[in-house]
N, C-alpha and C. Protein backbone atom coordinates (compact mmCIF):
# COMPACT_ATOMS: atom_id res chain seq x y z
N UNK A 1 76.26 -23.42 -96.49
CA UNK A 1 76.63 -22.26 -97.31
C UNK A 1 77.37 -21.25 -96.41
N UNK A 2 78.54 -20.86 -96.85
CA UNK A 2 79.34 -19.88 -96.14
C UNK A 2 79.00 -18.49 -96.67
N UNK A 3 78.68 -17.57 -95.75
CA UNK A 3 78.42 -16.21 -96.17
C UNK A 3 79.77 -15.53 -96.49
N UNK A 4 79.76 -14.76 -97.58
CA UNK A 4 81.02 -14.15 -98.05
C UNK A 4 80.77 -12.72 -98.44
N UNK A 5 81.74 -11.88 -98.13
CA UNK A 5 81.65 -10.47 -98.54
C UNK A 5 82.95 -10.12 -99.27
N UNK A 6 82.83 -9.49 -100.43
CA UNK A 6 83.98 -9.04 -101.20
C UNK A 6 84.04 -7.52 -101.18
N UNK A 7 85.22 -6.95 -100.97
CA UNK A 7 85.41 -5.52 -101.02
C UNK A 7 86.62 -5.22 -101.88
N UNK A 8 86.40 -4.42 -102.93
CA UNK A 8 87.53 -4.03 -103.78
C UNK A 8 88.28 -2.93 -103.01
N UNK A 9 89.55 -3.17 -102.74
CA UNK A 9 90.38 -2.27 -101.94
C UNK A 9 91.23 -1.37 -102.84
N UNK A 10 91.58 -1.87 -104.01
CA UNK A 10 92.55 -1.17 -104.85
C UNK A 10 92.16 -1.44 -106.31
N UNK A 11 92.02 -0.38 -107.09
CA UNK A 11 91.61 -0.55 -108.48
C UNK A 11 92.02 0.71 -109.28
N UNK A 12 91.96 0.56 -110.60
CA UNK A 12 92.30 1.68 -111.49
C UNK A 12 91.25 2.78 -111.45
N UNK A 13 90.03 2.46 -111.09
CA UNK A 13 88.92 3.41 -111.08
C UNK A 13 88.28 3.46 -109.69
N UNK A 14 87.77 4.66 -109.34
CA UNK A 14 87.03 4.79 -108.10
C UNK A 14 85.54 4.77 -108.38
N UNK A 15 84.79 3.98 -107.63
CA UNK A 15 83.32 3.95 -107.77
C UNK A 15 82.72 5.21 -107.18
N UNK A 16 83.25 5.64 -106.01
CA UNK A 16 82.70 6.85 -105.37
C UNK A 16 83.87 7.80 -105.09
N UNK A 17 83.63 9.03 -105.43
CA UNK A 17 84.61 10.09 -105.09
C UNK A 17 84.38 10.59 -103.69
N UNK A 18 85.31 11.38 -103.18
CA UNK A 18 85.18 12.00 -101.83
C UNK A 18 85.03 10.98 -100.73
N UNK A 19 85.75 9.86 -100.83
CA UNK A 19 85.72 8.83 -99.80
C UNK A 19 87.05 8.70 -99.13
N UNK A 20 88.05 9.41 -99.63
CA UNK A 20 89.42 9.22 -99.13
C UNK A 20 90.18 8.10 -99.82
N UNK A 21 89.47 7.35 -100.65
CA UNK A 21 90.07 6.27 -101.40
C UNK A 21 90.88 6.82 -102.56
N UNK A 22 91.94 6.09 -102.94
CA UNK A 22 92.76 6.50 -104.08
C UNK A 22 92.78 5.40 -105.09
N UNK A 23 92.77 5.78 -106.37
CA UNK A 23 92.87 4.81 -107.46
C UNK A 23 94.29 4.81 -107.96
N UNK A 24 94.67 3.70 -108.55
CA UNK A 24 96.01 3.51 -109.09
C UNK A 24 96.03 2.24 -109.91
N UNK A 25 97.03 2.10 -110.74
CA UNK A 25 97.20 0.89 -111.54
C UNK A 25 97.38 -0.30 -110.58
N UNK A 26 96.55 -1.32 -110.75
CA UNK A 26 96.62 -2.52 -109.93
C UNK A 26 95.29 -2.96 -109.39
N UNK A 27 95.31 -3.98 -108.56
CA UNK A 27 94.09 -4.57 -108.06
C UNK A 27 94.34 -5.21 -106.70
N UNK A 28 93.29 -5.14 -105.83
CA UNK A 28 93.27 -5.85 -104.56
C UNK A 28 91.82 -5.98 -104.12
N UNK A 29 91.51 -7.14 -103.60
CA UNK A 29 90.16 -7.42 -103.14
C UNK A 29 90.19 -8.16 -101.80
N UNK A 30 89.39 -7.75 -100.86
CA UNK A 30 89.30 -8.40 -99.57
C UNK A 30 88.10 -9.36 -99.60
N UNK A 31 88.34 -10.59 -99.13
CA UNK A 31 87.28 -11.61 -99.09
C UNK A 31 87.08 -11.96 -97.62
N UNK A 32 85.89 -11.72 -97.09
CA UNK A 32 85.57 -12.05 -95.73
C UNK A 32 84.61 -13.23 -95.74
N UNK A 33 85.01 -14.31 -95.12
CA UNK A 33 84.18 -15.51 -94.98
C UNK A 33 83.89 -15.67 -93.50
N UNK A 34 83.13 -16.69 -93.17
CA UNK A 34 82.81 -16.94 -91.76
C UNK A 34 84.04 -17.14 -90.90
N UNK A 35 85.10 -17.72 -91.48
CA UNK A 35 86.25 -18.05 -90.65
C UNK A 35 87.58 -17.43 -91.08
N UNK A 36 87.61 -16.77 -92.20
CA UNK A 36 88.88 -16.21 -92.70
C UNK A 36 88.65 -14.82 -93.29
N UNK A 37 89.74 -14.05 -93.28
CA UNK A 37 89.77 -12.76 -94.01
C UNK A 37 91.03 -12.87 -94.94
N UNK A 38 90.72 -12.86 -96.22
CA UNK A 38 91.72 -13.11 -97.25
C UNK A 38 91.91 -11.86 -98.10
N UNK A 39 93.15 -11.45 -98.32
CA UNK A 39 93.44 -10.38 -99.22
C UNK A 39 93.97 -10.98 -100.51
N UNK A 40 93.25 -10.70 -101.62
CA UNK A 40 93.67 -11.18 -102.93
C UNK A 40 94.35 -10.06 -103.68
N UNK A 41 95.64 -10.20 -103.87
CA UNK A 41 96.51 -9.18 -104.49
C UNK A 41 96.64 -7.94 -103.59
N UNK A 42 97.66 -7.14 -103.89
CA UNK A 42 97.97 -5.99 -103.02
C UNK A 42 98.18 -4.68 -103.79
N UNK A 43 97.79 -4.64 -105.04
CA UNK A 43 97.94 -3.45 -105.85
C UNK A 43 99.40 -3.14 -106.10
N UNK A 44 99.69 -1.94 -106.60
CA UNK A 44 101.03 -1.57 -107.00
C UNK A 44 101.81 -0.88 -105.87
N UNK A 45 101.15 -0.06 -105.10
CA UNK A 45 101.83 0.79 -104.13
C UNK A 45 101.29 0.57 -102.71
N UNK A 46 102.18 0.29 -101.82
CA UNK A 46 101.80 0.00 -100.43
C UNK A 46 101.08 1.13 -99.73
N UNK A 47 101.53 2.37 -99.95
CA UNK A 47 100.90 3.48 -99.25
C UNK A 47 99.46 3.68 -99.69
N UNK A 48 99.15 3.39 -100.98
CA UNK A 48 97.78 3.50 -101.48
C UNK A 48 96.95 2.34 -100.91
N UNK A 49 97.52 1.15 -100.89
CA UNK A 49 96.82 0.00 -100.30
C UNK A 49 96.45 0.27 -98.84
N UNK A 50 97.46 0.71 -98.05
CA UNK A 50 97.21 0.98 -96.63
C UNK A 50 96.21 2.12 -96.44
N UNK A 51 96.29 3.19 -97.27
CA UNK A 51 95.35 4.28 -97.20
C UNK A 51 93.92 3.77 -97.47
N UNK A 52 93.76 2.98 -98.51
CA UNK A 52 92.42 2.52 -98.86
C UNK A 52 91.87 1.57 -97.81
N UNK A 53 92.74 0.74 -97.22
CA UNK A 53 92.30 -0.20 -96.17
C UNK A 53 91.82 0.64 -94.98
N UNK A 54 92.56 1.65 -94.61
CA UNK A 54 92.16 2.51 -93.47
C UNK A 54 90.82 3.16 -93.77
N UNK A 55 90.63 3.72 -94.96
CA UNK A 55 89.38 4.40 -95.31
C UNK A 55 88.19 3.47 -95.45
N UNK A 56 88.46 2.20 -95.67
CA UNK A 56 87.40 1.22 -95.77
C UNK A 56 87.14 0.51 -94.43
N UNK A 57 87.93 0.89 -93.41
CA UNK A 57 87.75 0.29 -92.06
C UNK A 57 88.33 -1.12 -92.01
N UNK A 58 89.33 -1.44 -92.82
CA UNK A 58 89.93 -2.77 -92.82
C UNK A 58 91.17 -2.73 -91.96
N UNK A 59 91.21 -3.54 -90.92
CA UNK A 59 92.37 -3.64 -90.05
C UNK A 59 93.30 -4.74 -90.61
N UNK A 60 94.50 -4.40 -91.03
CA UNK A 60 95.42 -5.40 -91.58
C UNK A 60 95.70 -6.56 -90.66
N UNK A 61 95.62 -6.33 -89.33
CA UNK A 61 95.87 -7.41 -88.37
C UNK A 61 94.81 -8.49 -88.44
N UNK A 62 93.65 -8.20 -89.00
CA UNK A 62 92.55 -9.17 -89.11
C UNK A 62 92.79 -10.18 -90.28
N UNK A 63 93.65 -9.78 -91.22
CA UNK A 63 93.91 -10.63 -92.38
C UNK A 63 94.68 -11.88 -91.94
N UNK A 64 94.20 -13.06 -92.35
CA UNK A 64 94.94 -14.28 -92.00
C UNK A 64 95.52 -15.00 -93.22
N UNK A 65 95.12 -14.60 -94.40
CA UNK A 65 95.65 -15.21 -95.63
C UNK A 65 95.80 -14.09 -96.71
N UNK A 66 96.88 -14.21 -97.47
CA UNK A 66 97.08 -13.31 -98.61
C UNK A 66 97.35 -14.21 -99.80
N UNK A 67 96.66 -13.90 -100.90
CA UNK A 67 96.83 -14.65 -102.15
C UNK A 67 97.32 -13.67 -103.22
N UNK A 68 98.43 -13.99 -103.86
CA UNK A 68 98.94 -13.21 -104.95
C UNK A 68 98.66 -13.95 -106.26
N UNK A 69 97.90 -13.30 -107.15
CA UNK A 69 97.49 -13.97 -108.39
C UNK A 69 98.67 -14.28 -109.31
N UNK A 70 99.57 -13.29 -109.44
CA UNK A 70 100.74 -13.48 -110.29
C UNK A 70 101.80 -12.49 -109.90
N UNK A 71 102.98 -12.65 -110.43
CA UNK A 71 104.14 -11.93 -109.92
C UNK A 71 104.41 -10.59 -110.61
N UNK A 72 103.38 -9.91 -111.10
CA UNK A 72 103.55 -8.58 -111.64
C UNK A 72 103.44 -7.52 -110.55
N UNK A 73 104.20 -6.43 -110.69
CA UNK A 73 104.30 -5.37 -109.70
C UNK A 73 102.95 -4.77 -109.30
N UNK A 74 102.00 -4.72 -110.21
CA UNK A 74 100.74 -4.07 -109.90
C UNK A 74 99.76 -5.00 -109.12
N UNK A 75 100.22 -6.21 -108.84
CA UNK A 75 99.40 -7.14 -108.03
C UNK A 75 100.10 -7.56 -106.75
N UNK A 76 101.42 -7.41 -106.70
CA UNK A 76 102.20 -7.75 -105.50
C UNK A 76 102.93 -6.56 -104.89
N UNK A 77 102.79 -5.40 -105.52
CA UNK A 77 103.60 -4.21 -105.10
C UNK A 77 103.35 -3.74 -103.68
N UNK A 78 102.17 -3.96 -103.14
CA UNK A 78 101.87 -3.50 -101.77
C UNK A 78 102.25 -4.50 -100.70
N UNK A 79 102.76 -5.63 -101.08
CA UNK A 79 103.05 -6.72 -100.11
C UNK A 79 104.07 -6.31 -99.07
N UNK A 80 105.15 -5.75 -99.52
CA UNK A 80 106.22 -5.38 -98.58
C UNK A 80 105.76 -4.33 -97.56
N UNK A 81 105.00 -3.32 -98.02
CA UNK A 81 104.51 -2.29 -97.08
C UNK A 81 103.43 -2.85 -96.13
N UNK A 82 102.69 -3.82 -96.57
CA UNK A 82 101.63 -4.43 -95.75
C UNK A 82 102.23 -5.35 -94.66
N UNK A 83 103.35 -5.99 -94.96
CA UNK A 83 103.89 -7.04 -94.08
C UNK A 83 104.06 -6.64 -92.62
N UNK A 84 104.53 -5.44 -92.27
CA UNK A 84 104.70 -5.13 -90.84
C UNK A 84 103.38 -4.95 -90.09
N UNK A 85 102.27 -4.80 -90.82
CA UNK A 85 100.98 -4.50 -90.20
C UNK A 85 100.08 -5.71 -90.02
N UNK A 86 100.46 -6.84 -90.61
CA UNK A 86 99.69 -8.09 -90.47
C UNK A 86 100.34 -8.97 -89.40
N UNK A 87 99.57 -9.83 -88.81
CA UNK A 87 100.11 -10.83 -87.89
C UNK A 87 100.71 -11.98 -88.68
N UNK A 88 100.68 -13.18 -88.12
CA UNK A 88 101.12 -14.35 -88.86
C UNK A 88 100.06 -14.66 -89.93
N UNK A 89 100.50 -14.71 -91.18
CA UNK A 89 99.58 -14.98 -92.27
C UNK A 89 100.13 -16.07 -93.16
N UNK A 90 99.25 -16.76 -93.84
CA UNK A 90 99.65 -17.67 -94.90
C UNK A 90 99.69 -16.86 -96.19
N UNK A 91 100.77 -17.01 -96.95
CA UNK A 91 100.95 -16.24 -98.20
C UNK A 91 100.95 -17.26 -99.35
N UNK A 92 99.86 -17.27 -100.13
CA UNK A 92 99.69 -18.17 -101.26
C UNK A 92 100.14 -17.46 -102.52
N UNK A 93 101.24 -17.96 -103.08
CA UNK A 93 101.73 -17.30 -104.29
C UNK A 93 102.50 -18.31 -105.19
N UNK A 94 102.71 -17.89 -106.40
CA UNK A 94 103.47 -18.70 -107.34
C UNK A 94 104.97 -18.52 -107.16
N UNK A 95 105.37 -17.39 -106.60
CA UNK A 95 106.78 -17.08 -106.33
C UNK A 95 107.30 -17.83 -105.10
N UNK A 96 108.56 -17.66 -104.84
CA UNK A 96 109.22 -18.41 -103.76
C UNK A 96 109.67 -17.53 -102.59
N UNK A 97 109.38 -16.24 -102.65
CA UNK A 97 109.90 -15.31 -101.62
C UNK A 97 108.77 -14.82 -100.71
N UNK A 98 109.15 -14.55 -99.47
CA UNK A 98 108.26 -13.88 -98.54
C UNK A 98 108.94 -12.61 -98.02
N UNK A 99 108.23 -11.49 -97.93
CA UNK A 99 108.84 -10.25 -97.51
C UNK A 99 109.30 -10.26 -96.04
N UNK A 100 108.62 -11.05 -95.19
CA UNK A 100 108.94 -11.05 -93.75
C UNK A 100 108.64 -12.44 -93.17
N UNK A 101 109.25 -12.68 -92.02
CA UNK A 101 109.11 -13.98 -91.38
C UNK A 101 107.71 -14.27 -90.87
N UNK A 102 106.85 -13.24 -90.71
CA UNK A 102 105.47 -13.48 -90.29
C UNK A 102 104.58 -13.97 -91.41
N UNK A 103 105.12 -14.02 -92.62
CA UNK A 103 104.36 -14.51 -93.77
C UNK A 103 104.88 -15.91 -94.13
N UNK A 104 103.99 -16.91 -93.98
CA UNK A 104 104.36 -18.29 -94.19
C UNK A 104 103.96 -18.69 -95.59
N UNK A 105 104.97 -18.97 -96.41
CA UNK A 105 104.74 -19.24 -97.85
C UNK A 105 104.05 -20.56 -98.07
N UNK A 106 102.99 -20.53 -98.86
CA UNK A 106 102.35 -21.72 -99.41
C UNK A 106 102.52 -21.59 -100.90
N UNK A 107 103.47 -22.34 -101.49
CA UNK A 107 103.73 -22.23 -102.90
C UNK A 107 102.66 -22.99 -103.66
N UNK A 108 102.05 -22.32 -104.62
CA UNK A 108 100.90 -22.89 -105.34
C UNK A 108 101.33 -23.50 -106.69
N UNK A 109 100.96 -24.73 -106.89
CA UNK A 109 101.06 -25.37 -108.20
C UNK A 109 99.73 -25.99 -108.59
N UNK A 110 99.17 -26.75 -107.68
CA UNK A 110 97.90 -27.47 -107.92
C UNK A 110 96.73 -26.73 -107.28
N UNK A 111 95.51 -27.02 -107.80
CA UNK A 111 94.33 -26.46 -107.13
C UNK A 111 94.27 -26.91 -105.67
N UNK A 112 93.85 -26.06 -104.79
CA UNK A 112 93.71 -26.41 -103.38
C UNK A 112 92.74 -25.48 -102.67
N UNK A 113 92.29 -25.95 -101.53
CA UNK A 113 91.39 -25.19 -100.66
C UNK A 113 92.22 -24.13 -99.91
N UNK A 114 91.72 -22.91 -99.92
CA UNK A 114 92.34 -21.82 -99.17
C UNK A 114 91.59 -21.60 -97.83
N UNK A 115 90.29 -21.64 -97.91
CA UNK A 115 89.41 -21.50 -96.74
C UNK A 115 88.07 -22.11 -97.12
N UNK A 116 87.15 -22.14 -96.17
CA UNK A 116 85.82 -22.69 -96.42
C UNK A 116 85.18 -21.90 -97.57
N UNK A 117 84.85 -22.60 -98.66
CA UNK A 117 84.23 -21.94 -99.82
C UNK A 117 85.14 -21.17 -100.70
N UNK A 118 86.47 -21.24 -100.47
CA UNK A 118 87.46 -20.47 -101.26
C UNK A 118 88.56 -21.44 -101.70
N UNK A 119 88.74 -21.52 -103.04
CA UNK A 119 89.72 -22.44 -103.61
C UNK A 119 90.57 -21.72 -104.66
N UNK A 120 91.76 -22.22 -104.88
CA UNK A 120 92.59 -21.70 -105.96
C UNK A 120 92.51 -22.59 -107.18
N UNK A 121 92.66 -22.04 -108.33
CA UNK A 121 92.69 -22.81 -109.58
C UNK A 121 94.02 -23.58 -109.66
N UNK A 122 94.98 -23.20 -108.84
CA UNK A 122 96.37 -23.69 -109.04
C UNK A 122 97.03 -22.85 -110.10
N UNK A 123 98.31 -23.15 -110.31
CA UNK A 123 99.06 -22.40 -111.32
C UNK A 123 98.53 -22.71 -112.72
N UNK A 124 98.13 -21.69 -113.45
CA UNK A 124 97.73 -21.83 -114.85
C UNK A 124 98.82 -21.19 -115.68
N UNK A 125 99.36 -21.97 -116.55
CA UNK A 125 100.42 -21.48 -117.43
C UNK A 125 99.86 -20.63 -118.53
N UNK A 126 100.63 -19.62 -118.92
CA UNK A 126 100.20 -18.72 -119.99
C UNK A 126 101.31 -17.77 -120.29
N UNK A 127 100.98 -16.68 -120.98
CA UNK A 127 101.93 -15.61 -121.24
C UNK A 127 102.61 -15.23 -119.93
N UNK A 128 101.84 -15.16 -118.87
CA UNK A 128 102.31 -15.00 -117.48
C UNK A 128 101.57 -16.03 -116.68
N UNK A 129 102.28 -16.86 -115.89
CA UNK A 129 101.62 -17.83 -115.02
C UNK A 129 100.78 -17.07 -113.98
N UNK A 130 99.59 -17.64 -113.70
CA UNK A 130 98.67 -16.95 -112.80
C UNK A 130 97.78 -17.94 -112.10
N UNK A 131 97.30 -17.60 -110.93
CA UNK A 131 96.25 -18.36 -110.25
C UNK A 131 95.08 -17.45 -110.03
N UNK A 132 93.89 -18.04 -109.98
CA UNK A 132 92.66 -17.30 -109.67
C UNK A 132 91.98 -17.97 -108.49
N UNK A 133 91.03 -17.28 -107.89
CA UNK A 133 90.26 -17.87 -106.78
C UNK A 133 88.89 -18.26 -107.27
N UNK A 134 88.37 -19.33 -106.73
CA UNK A 134 87.04 -19.83 -107.04
C UNK A 134 86.25 -19.81 -105.75
N UNK A 135 85.15 -19.06 -105.74
CA UNK A 135 84.40 -18.75 -104.53
C UNK A 135 82.98 -19.37 -104.61
N UNK A 136 82.60 -20.09 -103.56
CA UNK A 136 81.30 -20.76 -103.53
C UNK A 136 80.22 -19.71 -103.16
N UNK A 137 79.31 -19.48 -104.10
CA UNK A 137 78.22 -18.56 -103.89
C UNK A 137 76.91 -19.31 -103.71
N UNK A 138 75.87 -18.59 -103.36
CA UNK A 138 74.56 -19.20 -103.15
C UNK A 138 74.02 -19.87 -104.39
N UNK A 139 74.30 -19.31 -105.57
CA UNK A 139 73.74 -19.83 -106.82
C UNK A 139 74.75 -20.52 -107.70
N UNK A 140 75.97 -20.66 -107.21
CA UNK A 140 77.01 -21.29 -108.01
C UNK A 140 78.37 -20.75 -107.62
N UNK A 141 79.34 -20.91 -108.50
CA UNK A 141 80.73 -20.52 -108.22
C UNK A 141 81.08 -19.23 -108.95
N UNK A 142 81.83 -18.38 -108.26
CA UNK A 142 82.33 -17.13 -108.81
C UNK A 142 83.84 -17.24 -108.92
N UNK A 143 84.40 -16.64 -109.96
CA UNK A 143 85.85 -16.66 -110.15
C UNK A 143 86.38 -15.24 -109.98
N UNK A 144 87.41 -15.11 -109.15
CA UNK A 144 88.07 -13.86 -108.89
C UNK A 144 89.43 -13.90 -109.56
N UNK A 145 89.68 -13.03 -110.50
CA UNK A 145 90.91 -13.07 -111.29
C UNK A 145 91.75 -11.83 -111.08
N UNK A 146 93.07 -11.97 -111.31
CA UNK A 146 94.00 -10.84 -111.22
C UNK A 146 94.00 -10.09 -112.57
N UNK A 147 94.60 -10.69 -113.56
CA UNK A 147 94.67 -10.08 -114.90
C UNK A 147 94.16 -10.97 -116.03
N UNK A 148 94.00 -12.24 -115.74
CA UNK A 148 93.53 -13.22 -116.74
C UNK A 148 94.55 -13.49 -117.81
N UNK A 149 95.85 -13.42 -117.49
CA UNK A 149 96.93 -13.65 -118.48
C UNK A 149 96.82 -15.00 -119.16
N UNK A 150 96.46 -16.11 -118.45
CA UNK A 150 96.37 -17.40 -119.16
C UNK A 150 95.18 -17.49 -120.11
N UNK A 151 94.27 -16.51 -120.05
CA UNK A 151 93.09 -16.47 -120.88
C UNK A 151 91.86 -16.81 -120.07
N UNK A 152 90.78 -16.08 -120.29
CA UNK A 152 89.54 -16.26 -119.51
C UNK A 152 89.04 -17.70 -119.69
N UNK A 153 89.07 -18.21 -120.94
CA UNK A 153 88.54 -19.54 -121.19
C UNK A 153 89.27 -20.61 -120.37
N UNK A 154 90.60 -20.51 -120.32
CA UNK A 154 91.40 -21.46 -119.54
C UNK A 154 91.08 -21.36 -118.05
N UNK A 155 90.94 -20.15 -117.55
CA UNK A 155 90.64 -19.92 -116.16
C UNK A 155 89.27 -20.54 -115.82
N UNK A 156 88.28 -20.26 -116.65
CA UNK A 156 86.93 -20.80 -116.40
C UNK A 156 86.94 -22.34 -116.50
N UNK A 157 87.66 -22.89 -117.42
CA UNK A 157 87.80 -24.36 -117.50
C UNK A 157 88.35 -24.95 -116.23
N UNK A 158 89.40 -24.28 -115.68
CA UNK A 158 89.99 -24.76 -114.42
C UNK A 158 89.01 -24.63 -113.26
N UNK A 159 88.22 -23.55 -113.27
CA UNK A 159 87.27 -23.29 -112.16
C UNK A 159 86.10 -24.27 -112.18
N UNK A 160 85.76 -24.77 -113.36
CA UNK A 160 84.59 -25.67 -113.48
C UNK A 160 84.76 -26.97 -112.72
N UNK A 161 85.99 -27.29 -112.30
CA UNK A 161 86.20 -28.50 -111.52
C UNK A 161 85.39 -28.46 -110.23
N UNK A 162 85.06 -27.27 -109.74
CA UNK A 162 84.34 -27.10 -108.49
C UNK A 162 82.83 -27.08 -108.71
N UNK A 163 82.37 -26.73 -109.91
CA UNK A 163 80.94 -26.68 -110.18
C UNK A 163 80.65 -25.61 -111.23
N UNK A 164 79.36 -25.30 -111.42
CA UNK A 164 78.97 -24.35 -112.42
C UNK A 164 79.40 -22.92 -112.05
N UNK A 165 80.07 -22.28 -112.97
CA UNK A 165 80.56 -20.91 -112.77
C UNK A 165 79.44 -19.95 -113.22
N UNK A 166 79.04 -19.05 -112.30
CA UNK A 166 77.97 -18.11 -112.62
C UNK A 166 78.42 -16.64 -112.64
N UNK A 167 79.69 -16.41 -112.28
CA UNK A 167 80.16 -15.03 -112.30
C UNK A 167 81.65 -14.94 -112.35
N UNK A 168 82.14 -13.83 -112.90
CA UNK A 168 83.57 -13.58 -113.10
C UNK A 168 83.86 -12.16 -112.65
N UNK A 169 84.84 -11.97 -111.75
CA UNK A 169 85.12 -10.68 -111.17
C UNK A 169 86.63 -10.45 -111.24
N UNK A 170 87.06 -9.21 -111.48
CA UNK A 170 88.47 -8.90 -111.41
C UNK A 170 89.00 -8.23 -112.66
N UNK A 171 90.24 -8.55 -113.00
CA UNK A 171 90.92 -7.88 -114.12
C UNK A 171 90.95 -8.73 -115.38
N UNK A 172 90.76 -8.05 -116.49
CA UNK A 172 90.72 -8.73 -117.81
C UNK A 172 91.67 -8.01 -118.75
N UNK A 173 92.91 -8.04 -118.39
CA UNK A 173 94.02 -7.39 -119.14
C UNK A 173 94.01 -7.74 -120.61
N UNK A 174 93.74 -6.76 -121.45
CA UNK A 174 93.88 -6.95 -122.89
C UNK A 174 92.79 -7.78 -123.54
N UNK A 175 91.64 -7.97 -122.88
CA UNK A 175 90.57 -8.76 -123.48
C UNK A 175 89.45 -7.83 -123.88
N UNK A 176 89.26 -7.66 -125.18
CA UNK A 176 88.24 -6.74 -125.67
C UNK A 176 86.96 -7.48 -126.08
N UNK A 177 86.98 -8.81 -126.04
CA UNK A 177 85.86 -9.58 -126.54
C UNK A 177 85.07 -10.28 -125.43
N UNK A 178 85.04 -9.76 -124.26
CA UNK A 178 84.32 -10.36 -123.16
C UNK A 178 82.83 -10.10 -123.26
C-alpha cells in the first residue's frame, strides 16, 4: 500500500480564510505518493496557482509529473506560468503542446499507470474529452476528476477497471443530481 496525500491547491472556494490562499475559477490538486509528486490541473491563473503553492509550502521544483484533465482554460491556465519553476517533468495531457522544453509530453489516449497507485482513465469522450485519475486507497479506489464533462457514470465505469471505487473527488460541472 502506497501512502498518499492530496492537497487542493486551487479551487472556487476557500476552506479557511486568512491563510494567504486565493480562490478563483478552476481547480488544481497536488498528489504526494511515496515516489512521486503529481500536480493534477493548474487552475485558471498562474499567479494564483503560484501564490497558493507558496502559501501551502509546495515547492514547484519537487513536482515530477503534471496531469491536465482537459483542455479548458480553468484547468490548464496556470501551466505556462508554472513551467519556468519546475524541473524536468512529464506532462500527461490530451493536447499536443508543451509550454516549455522541460515538460516532456505524454499524450493520453488509453488508461495507463502514472505512478505507483496512480492511474489515468485514459481519454474519455464526451461533450469535452477528459481524463481522470484513479488513486489506490487503503479501502479501495478513489477517482479525482477535473469537471466530469464525459459524465460521472462514464468516469466511474472507466475507473472500475482497477477495482471497487469508494470515493469521488474534484469538479462536477453542471451535475445537480449527485
